[in-house]
């Protein structure tokens, strides 16, 4: 359903561009509840940070974002923007808190602006659209740049994991070497999470991460904050 093959040549470079921390969409502003988890000492060192990030990668991103991204990749491939928008709206609606919804909308609109600069005119209607998710615009870019669905999902999850580790380095705090070890552990998990995401039925898409929802809700009124979520 979603295609196979590894990105190569220009497609690989485009994927690297799309997942780069230097992409000007502001993803470094968000911790997705990790800041509250550190504040309440649920995350106190590299081991607990790794458990938190790996758990969310498997039980939140892997069971919600990635299955929706794969479906939106198919929608863009089939030239069905309205269907991509409906899927994106469903993804936004599945976010448990105002901060998580605001984050997704911010990243979606910001990525739309970047894609317009790259000549992808289909991104224009998504700027400021309340149903514009990061995954929807990521999928659009992947299709227009000939990045197959599995590679797009892998890149999306890698980018999410890297941002979470960077947040943990600042918040816990962790050293750079500890951060690299965490990323190495996550790399070992990513292929399995992506493969599982491709097998999830429509009715089973969702999340099983209540602690993140609680942390995100608490973060809205946290006294001192470095991050917006």
C-alpha atoms as a PDB file:
ATOM      1  CA  UNK A   1       0.000   0.000   0.000  1.00  0.00           C
ATOM      2  CA  UNK A   2       2.723   2.428   0.949  1.00  0.00           C
ATOM      3  CA  UNK A   3       5.558   1.505  -1.384  1.00  0.00           C
ATOM      4  CA  UNK A   4       9.045   0.249  -0.668  1.00  0.00           C
ATOM      5  CA  UNK A   5      12.634   1.156  -1.333  1.00  0.00           C
ATOM      6  CA  UNK A   6      15.256   3.360   0.214  1.00  0.00           C
ATOM      7  CA  UNK A   7      15.651   7.005  -0.647  1.00  0.00           C
ATOM      8  CA  UNK A   8      18.617   7.716  -2.852  1.00  0.00           C
ATOM      9  CA  UNK A   9      20.189  10.625  -4.695  1.00  0.00           C
ATOM     10  CA  UNK A  10      18.143  13.809  -4.605  1.00  0.00           C
ATOM     11  CA  UNK A  11      15.300  12.143  -2.663  1.00  0.00           C
ATOM     12  CA  UNK A  12      17.700  11.255   0.136  1.00  0.00           C
ATOM     13  CA  UNK A  13      19.031  14.801   0.256  1.00  0.00           C
ATOM     14  CA  UNK A  14      15.491  16.178   0.335  1.00  0.00           C
ATOM     15  CA  UNK A  15      14.646  13.843   3.214  1.00  0.00           C
ATOM     16  CA  UNK A  16      17.709  15.036   5.109  1.00  0.00           C
ATOM     17  CA  UNK A  17      16.625  18.620   4.459  1.00  0.00           C
ATOM     18  CA  UNK A  18      13.099  17.869   5.670  1.00  0.00           C
ATOM     19  CA  UNK A  19      14.345  16.307   8.919  1.00  0.00           C
ATOM     20  CA  UNK A  20      17.126  18.786   9.638  1.00  0.00           C
ATOM     21  CA  UNK A  21      17.069  20.690  12.965  1.00  0.00           C
ATOM     22  CA  UNK A  22      17.991  23.717  10.836  1.00  0.00           C
ATOM     23  CA  UNK A  23      14.631  23.606   9.037  1.00  0.00           C
ATOM     24  CA  UNK A  24      13.017  26.927  10.035  1.00  0.00           C
ATOM     25  CA  UNK A  25       9.793  25.654  11.577  1.00  0.00           C
ATOM     26  CA  UNK A  26      10.635  26.172  15.250  1.00  0.00           C
ATOM     27  CA  UNK A  27      10.455  22.573  16.462  1.00  0.00           C
ATOM     28  CA  UNK A  28      13.122  23.334  19.077  1.00  0.00           C
ATOM     29  CA  UNK A  29      10.533  25.414  20.988  1.00  0.00           C
ATOM     30  CA  UNK A  30       8.568  22.327  22.053  1.00  0.00           C
ATOM     31  CA  UNK A  31       9.161  19.501  24.536  1.00  0.00           C
ATOM     32  CA  UNK A  32       5.714  17.820  24.343  1.00  0.00           C
ATOM     33  CA  UNK A  33       5.358  17.506  28.097  1.00  0.00           C
ATOM     34  CA  UNK A  34       8.950  16.502  28.812  1.00  0.00           C
ATOM     35  CA  UNK A  35       9.562  19.773  30.641  1.00  0.00           C
ATOM     36  CA  UNK A  36       6.856  18.964  33.191  1.00  0.00           C
ATOM     37  CA  UNK A  37       8.126  15.384  33.489  1.00  0.00           C
ATOM     38  CA  UNK A  38      11.536  16.756  34.447  1.00  0.00           C
ATOM     39  CA  UNK A  39       9.977  19.298  36.814  1.00  0.00           C
ATOM     40  CA  UNK A  40       8.131  16.503  38.660  1.00  0.00           C
ATOM     41  CA  UNK A  41      11.229  14.259  38.549  1.00  0.00           C
ATOM     42  CA  UNK A  42       9.624  11.581  36.439  1.00  0.00           C
ATOM     43  CA  UNK A  43      12.657  12.049  34.197  1.00  0.00           C
ATOM     44  CA  UNK A  44      15.892  12.540  36.145  1.00  0.00           C
ATOM     45  CA  UNK A  45      18.713  10.969  34.114  1.00  0.00           C
ATOM     46  CA  UNK A  46      19.612   9.385  30.781  1.00  0.00           C
ATOM     47  CA  UNK A  47      17.873   6.101  31.642  1.00  0.00           C
ATOM     48  CA  UNK A  48      14.530   7.676  32.551  1.00  0.00           C
ATOM     49  CA  UNK A  49      14.776  10.086  29.615  1.00  0.00           C
ATOM     50  CA  UNK A  50      15.323   7.127  27.319  1.00  0.00           C
ATOM     51  CA  UNK A  51      12.316   5.302  28.776  1.00  0.00           C
ATOM     52  CA  UNK A  52      10.116   8.385  28.374  1.00  0.00           C
ATOM     53  CA  UNK A  53      11.140   9.120  24.788  1.00  0.00           C
ATOM     54  CA  UNK A  54      11.119   5.495  23.608  1.00  0.00           C
ATOM     55  CA  UNK A  55       7.727   4.939  25.216  1.00  0.00           C
ATOM     56  CA  UNK A  56       6.185   7.924  23.435  1.00  0.00           C
ATOM     57  CA  UNK A  57       7.864   6.968  20.155  1.00  0.00           C
ATOM     58  CA  UNK A  58       6.217   3.542  20.295  1.00  0.00           C
ATOM     59  CA  UNK A  59       2.876   4.324  21.965  1.00  0.00           C
ATOM     60  CA  UNK A  60       2.098   7.801  20.659  1.00  0.00           C
ATOM     61  CA  UNK A  61       4.040   8.783  17.541  1.00  0.00           C
ATOM     62  CA  UNK A  62       4.148   5.211  16.286  1.00  0.00           C
ATOM     63  CA  UNK A  63       0.448   4.554  16.787  1.00  0.00           C
ATOM     64  CA  UNK A  64      -0.976   7.951  15.817  1.00  0.00           C
ATOM     65  CA  UNK A  65       1.349  10.212  13.842  1.00  0.00           C
ATOM     66  CA  UNK A  66       2.972   7.577  11.659  1.00  0.00           C
ATOM     67  CA  UNK A  67      -0.189   5.709  10.590  1.00  0.00           C
ATOM     68  CA  UNK A  68      -1.792   9.055   9.746  1.00  0.00           C
ATOM     69  CA  UNK A  69       1.321  10.226   7.891  1.00  0.00           C
ATOM     70  CA  UNK A  70       1.319   7.043   5.805  1.00  0.00           C
ATOM     71  CA  UNK A  71      -2.335   7.594   4.903  1.00  0.00           C
ATOM     72  CA  UNK A  72      -1.727  11.242   4.049  1.00  0.00           C
ATOM     73  CA  UNK A  73       1.224  10.207   1.881  1.00  0.00           C
ATOM     74  CA  UNK A  74      -1.201   7.982  -0.037  1.00  0.00           C
ATOM     75  CA  UNK A  75      -3.737  10.820  -0.269  1.00  0.00           C
ATOM     76  CA  UNK A  76      -1.174  13.230  -1.733  1.00  0.00           C
ATOM     77  CA  UNK A  77       0.088  10.514  -4.095  1.00  0.00           C
ATOM     78  CA  UNK A  78      -3.466  10.013  -5.349  1.00  0.00           C
ATOM     79  CA  UNK A  79      -3.907  13.791  -5.724  1.00  0.00           C
ATOM     80  CA  UNK A  80      -6.668  13.970  -3.103  1.00  0.00           C
ATOM     81  CA  UNK A  81      -5.962  17.120  -1.041  1.00  0.00           C
ATOM     82  CA  UNK A  82      -9.443  17.117   0.601  1.00  0.00           C
ATOM     83  CA  UNK A  83      -8.797  13.616   1.930  1.00  0.00           C
ATOM     84  CA  UNK A  84      -5.377  14.686   3.220  1.00  0.00           C
ATOM     85  CA  UNK A  85      -7.094  17.576   5.010  1.00  0.00           C
ATOM     86  CA  UNK A  86      -9.676  15.300   6.621  1.00  0.00           C
ATOM     87  CA  UNK A  87      -6.935  12.988   7.839  1.00  0.00           C
ATOM     88  CA  UNK A  88      -4.984  15.958   9.162  1.00  0.00           C
ATOM     89  CA  UNK A  89      -8.049  17.208  11.031  1.00  0.00           C
ATOM     90  CA  UNK A  90      -8.430  13.781  12.617  1.00  0.00           C
ATOM     91  CA  UNK A  91      -4.794  13.883  13.717  1.00  0.00           C
ATOM     92  CA  UNK A  92      -5.200  17.328  15.295  1.00  0.00           C
ATOM     93  CA  UNK A  93      -8.392  16.203  17.046  1.00  0.00           C
ATOM     94  CA  UNK A  94      -6.529  13.260  18.593  1.00  0.00           C
ATOM     95  CA  UNK A  95      -4.119  15.578  20.437  1.00  0.00           C
ATOM     96  CA  UNK A  96      -4.996  15.516  24.123  1.00  0.00           C
ATOM     97  CA  UNK A  97      -4.196  19.080  25.181  1.00  0.00           C
ATOM     98  CA  UNK A  98      -4.363  22.646  23.906  1.00  0.00           C
ATOM     99  CA  UNK A  99      -0.559  22.889  23.889  1.00  0.00           C
ATOM    100  CA  UNK A 100      -0.127  19.771  21.764  1.00  0.00           C
ATOM    101  CA  UNK A 101      -2.757  20.959  19.285  1.00  0.00           C
ATOM    102  CA  UNK A 102      -1.173  24.428  19.127  1.00  0.00           C
ATOM    103  CA  UNK A 103       2.244  22.875  18.539  1.00  0.00           C
ATOM    104  CA  UNK A 104       1.030  20.724  15.665  1.00  0.00           C
ATOM    105  CA  UNK A 105      -0.741  23.667  14.025  1.00  0.00           C
ATOM    106  CA  UNK A 106       2.325  25.873  14.398  1.00  0.00           C
ATOM    107  CA  UNK A 107       4.635  23.285  12.852  1.00  0.00           C
ATOM    108  CA  UNK A 108       2.172  22.574  10.056  1.00  0.00           C
ATOM    109  CA  UNK A 109       1.781  26.212   9.050  1.00  0.00           C
ATOM    110  CA  UNK A 110       5.509  26.867   9.399  1.00  0.00           C
ATOM    111  CA  UNK A 111       6.351  23.892   7.190  1.00  0.00           C
ATOM    112  CA  UNK A 112       3.766  25.052   4.653  1.00  0.00           C
ATOM    113  CA  UNK A 113       5.634  28.360   4.361  1.00  0.00           C
ATOM    114  CA  UNK A 114       8.923  26.533   3.828  1.00  0.00           C
ATOM    115  CA  UNK A 115       7.404  24.338   1.127  1.00  0.00           C
ATOM    116  CA  UNK A 116       6.038  27.354  -0.718  1.00  0.00           C
ATOM    117  CA  UNK A 117       9.578  28.742  -0.807  1.00  0.00           C
ATOM    118  CA  UNK A 118      10.547  25.445  -2.452  1.00  0.00           C
ATOM    119  CA  UNK A 119       7.872  25.889  -5.113  1.00  0.00           C
ATOM    120  CA  UNK A 120       5.228  23.530  -3.708  1.00  0.00           C
ATOM    121  CA  UNK A 121       2.147  25.653  -4.356  1.00  0.00           C
ATOM    122  CA  UNK A 122      -0.247  23.091  -2.863  1.00  0.00           C
ATOM    123  CA  UNK A 123       0.972  24.148   0.578  1.00  0.00           C
ATOM    124  CA  UNK A 124      -0.542  27.656   0.276  1.00  0.00           C
ATOM    125  CA  UNK A 125      -4.087  26.826   1.485  1.00  0.00           C
ATOM    126  CA  UNK A 126      -2.625  25.170   4.574  1.00  0.00           C
ATOM    127  CA  UNK A 127      -1.061  28.311   6.033  1.00  0.00           C
ATOM    128  CA  UNK A 128      -3.117  29.288   9.052  1.00  0.00           C
ATOM    129  CA  UNK A 129      -5.538  26.403   8.556  1.00  0.00           C
ATOM    130  CA  UNK A 130      -6.559  25.051  11.976  1.00  0.00           C
ATOM    131  CA  UNK A 131      -6.440  21.521  10.568  1.00  0.00           C
ATOM    132  CA  UNK A 132      -2.913  21.831   9.164  1.00  0.00           C
ATOM    133  CA  UNK A 133      -0.735  19.284  10.946  1.00  0.00           C
ATOM    134  CA  UNK A 134       2.999  18.821  10.729  1.00  0.00           C
ATOM    135  CA  UNK A 135       2.552  15.276   9.396  1.00  0.00           C
ATOM    136  CA  UNK A 136       0.253  16.445   6.594  1.00  0.00           C
ATOM    137  CA  UNK A 137       2.778  18.931   5.226  1.00  0.00           C
ATOM    138  CA  UNK A 138       5.630  16.489   5.799  1.00  0.00           C
ATOM    139  CA  UNK A 139       3.750  13.924   3.711  1.00  0.00           C
ATOM    140  CA  UNK A 140       3.110  16.499   0.971  1.00  0.00           C
ATOM    141  CA  UNK A 141       6.810  17.335   0.772  1.00  0.00           C
ATOM    142  CA  UNK A 142       7.717  13.648   0.717  1.00  0.00           C
ATOM    143  CA  UNK A 143       5.401  12.929  -2.208  1.00  0.00           C
ATOM    144  CA  UNK A 144       6.520  15.941  -4.227  1.00  0.00           C
ATOM    145  CA  UNK A 145      10.177  15.055  -3.607  1.00  0.00           C
ATOM    146  CA  UNK A 146       9.755  11.366  -4.477  1.00  0.00           C
ATOM    147  CA  UNK A 147      10.417  10.156  -0.940  1.00  0.00           C
ATOM    148  CA  UNK A 148       8.622   6.829  -0.467  1.00  0.00           C
ATOM    149  CA  UNK A 149       6.215   6.416   2.435  1.00  0.00           C
ATOM    150  CA  UNK A 150       8.386   4.140   4.641  1.00  0.00           C
ATOM    151  CA  UNK A 151      11.350   6.494   4.306  1.00  0.00           C
ATOM    152  CA  UNK A 152       9.135   9.477   5.069  1.00  0.00           C
ATOM    153  CA  UNK A 153       7.823   7.772   8.219  1.00  0.00           C
ATOM    154  CA  UNK A 154      11.343   6.835   9.272  1.00  0.00           C
ATOM    155  CA  UNK A 155      12.565  10.399   8.774  1.00  0.00           C
ATOM    156  CA  UNK A 156       9.579  11.855  10.624  1.00  0.00           C
ATOM    157  CA  UNK A 157      10.137   9.613  13.640  1.00  0.00           C
ATOM    158  CA  UNK A 158      13.885  10.244  13.620  1.00  0.00           C
ATOM    159  CA  UNK A 159      13.290  14.003  13.604  1.00  0.00           C
ATOM    160  CA  UNK A 160      10.845  13.685  16.519  1.00  0.00           C
ATOM    161  CA  UNK A 161      13.283  11.544  18.526  1.00  0.00           C
ATOM    162  CA  UNK A 162      16.167  13.910  17.881  1.00  0.00           C
ATOM    163  CA  UNK A 163      14.133  16.907  19.032  1.00  0.00           C
ATOM    164  CA  UNK A 164      13.108  15.089  22.215  1.00  0.00           C
ATOM    165  CA  UNK A 165      16.712  14.159  22.985  1.00  0.00           C
ATOM    166  CA  UNK A 166      17.829  17.747  22.419  1.00  0.00           C
ATOM    167  CA  UNK A 167      15.118  18.878  24.836  1.00  0.00           C
ATOM    168  CA  UNK A 168      16.284  16.301  27.395  1.00  0.00           C
ATOM    169  CA  UNK A 169      19.880  17.510  27.069  1.00  0.00           C
ATOM    170  CA  UNK A 170      18.721  21.002  28.061  1.00  0.00           C
ATOM    171  CA  UNK A 171      16.195  20.023  30.708  1.00  0.00           C
ATOM    172  CA  UNK A 172      17.564  17.081  32.704  1.00  0.00           C
ATOM    173  CA  UNK A 173      20.323  18.168  31.918  1.00  0.00           C
ATOM    174  CA  UNK A 174      22.336  15.566  30.026  1.00  0.00           C
ATOM    175  CA  UNK A 175      25.737  15.752  28.428  1.00  0.00           C
ATOM    176  CA  UNK A 176      26.210  15.569  24.685  1.00  0.00           C
ATOM    177  CA  UNK A 177      27.674  12.065  24.911  1.00  0.00           C
ATOM    178  CA  UNK A 178      24.659  10.847  26.885  1.00  0.00           C
ATOM    179  CA  UNK A 179      22.430  12.380  24.250  1.00  0.00           C
ATOM    180  CA  UNK A 180      24.251  10.533  21.485  1.00  0.00           C
ATOM    181  CA  UNK A 181      23.917   7.249  23.357  1.00  0.00           C
ATOM    182  CA  UNK A 182      20.182   7.887  23.677  1.00  0.00           C
ATOM    183  CA  UNK A 183      19.907   8.547  19.949  1.00  0.00           C
ATOM    184  CA  UNK A 184      21.804   5.337  19.256  1.00  0.00           C
ATOM    185  CA  UNK A 185      19.311   3.368  21.349  1.00  0.00           C
ATOM    186  CA  UNK A 186      16.390   5.025  19.586  1.00  0.00           C
ATOM    187  CA  UNK A 187      17.844   4.272  16.155  1.00  0.00           C
ATOM    188  CA  UNK A 188      17.672   0.586  17.035  1.00  0.00           C
ATOM    189  CA  UNK A 189      13.944   0.956  17.802  1.00  0.00           C
ATOM    190  CA  UNK A 190      12.841   3.137  14.900  1.00  0.00           C
ATOM    191  CA  UNK A 191      12.615   0.488  12.103  1.00  0.00           C
ATOM    192  CA  UNK A 192      10.344  -1.753  14.192  1.00  0.00           C
ATOM    193  CA  UNK A 193       8.085   1.160  15.159  1.00  0.00           C
ATOM    194  CA  UNK A 194       7.742   2.220  11.514  1.00  0.00           C
ATOM    195  CA  UNK A 195       6.986  -1.344  10.400  1.00  0.00           C
ATOM    196  CA  UNK A 196       4.324  -1.693  13.086  1.00  0.00           C
ATOM    197  CA  UNK A 197       2.774   1.656  12.124  1.00  0.00           C
ATOM    198  CA  UNK A 198       2.221   0.386   8.590  1.00  0.00           C
ATOM    199  CA  UNK A 199       0.117  -2.515   9.913  1.00  0.00           C
ATOM    200  CA  UNK A 200      -2.249  -0.512  12.141  1.00  0.00           C
ATOM    201  CA  UNK A 201      -5.878  -0.569  11.026  1.00  0.00           C
ATOM    202  CA  UNK A 202      -7.935   2.620  10.844  1.00  0.00           C
ATOM    203  CA  UNK A 203      -9.927   1.767  13.959  1.00  0.00           C
ATOM    204  CA  UNK A 204      -6.773   1.104  15.993  1.00  0.00           C
ATOM    205  CA  UNK A 205      -5.083   4.456  15.346  1.00  0.00           C
ATOM    206  CA  UNK A 206      -4.622   6.350  18.589  1.00  0.00           C
ATOM    207  CA  UNK A 207      -2.371   6.810  21.585  1.00  0.00           C
ATOM    208  CA  UNK A 208      -1.670   5.006  24.842  1.00  0.00           C
ATOM    209  CA  UNK A 209       0.393   7.603  26.693  1.00  0.00           C
ATOM    210  CA  UNK A 210      -1.692   9.073  29.535  1.00  0.00           C
ATOM    211  CA  UNK A 211       1.363  10.416  31.360  1.00  0.00           C
ATOM    212  CA  UNK A 212       2.208  12.648  28.418  1.00  0.00           C
ATOM    213  CA  UNK A 213      -1.326  14.031  28.406  1.00  0.00           C
ATOM    214  CA  UNK A 214      -1.105  14.795  32.122  1.00  0.00           C
ATOM    215  CA  UNK A 215       2.365  16.325  31.749  1.00  0.00           C
ATOM    216  CA  UNK A 216       1.250  18.468  28.826  1.00  0.00           C
ATOM    217  CA  UNK A 217      -1.833  19.703  30.694  1.00  0.00           C
ATOM    218  CA  UNK A 218       0.260  20.554  33.761  1.00  0.00           C
ATOM    219  CA  UNK A 219       2.809  22.352  31.587  1.00  0.00           C
ATOM    220  CA  UNK A 220       0.158  24.892  30.533  1.00  0.00           C
ATOM    221  CA  UNK A 221       0.362  26.439  34.013  1.00  0.00           C
ATOM    222  CA  UNK A 222       3.958  25.559  34.919  1.00  0.00           C
ATOM    223  CA  UNK A 223       5.578  28.511  36.652  1.00  0.00           C
ATOM    224  CA  UNK A 224       8.950  28.517  34.911  1.00  0.00           C
ATOM    225  CA  UNK A 225       9.223  27.250  31.336  1.00  0.00           C
ATOM    226  CA  UNK A 226      11.884  26.994  28.632  1.00  0.00           C
ATOM    227  CA  UNK A 227       9.569  25.358  26.097  1.00  0.00           C
ATOM    228  CA  UNK A 228       6.130  26.102  24.686  1.00  0.00           C
ATOM    229  CA  UNK A 229       4.813  22.596  25.286  1.00  0.00           C
END
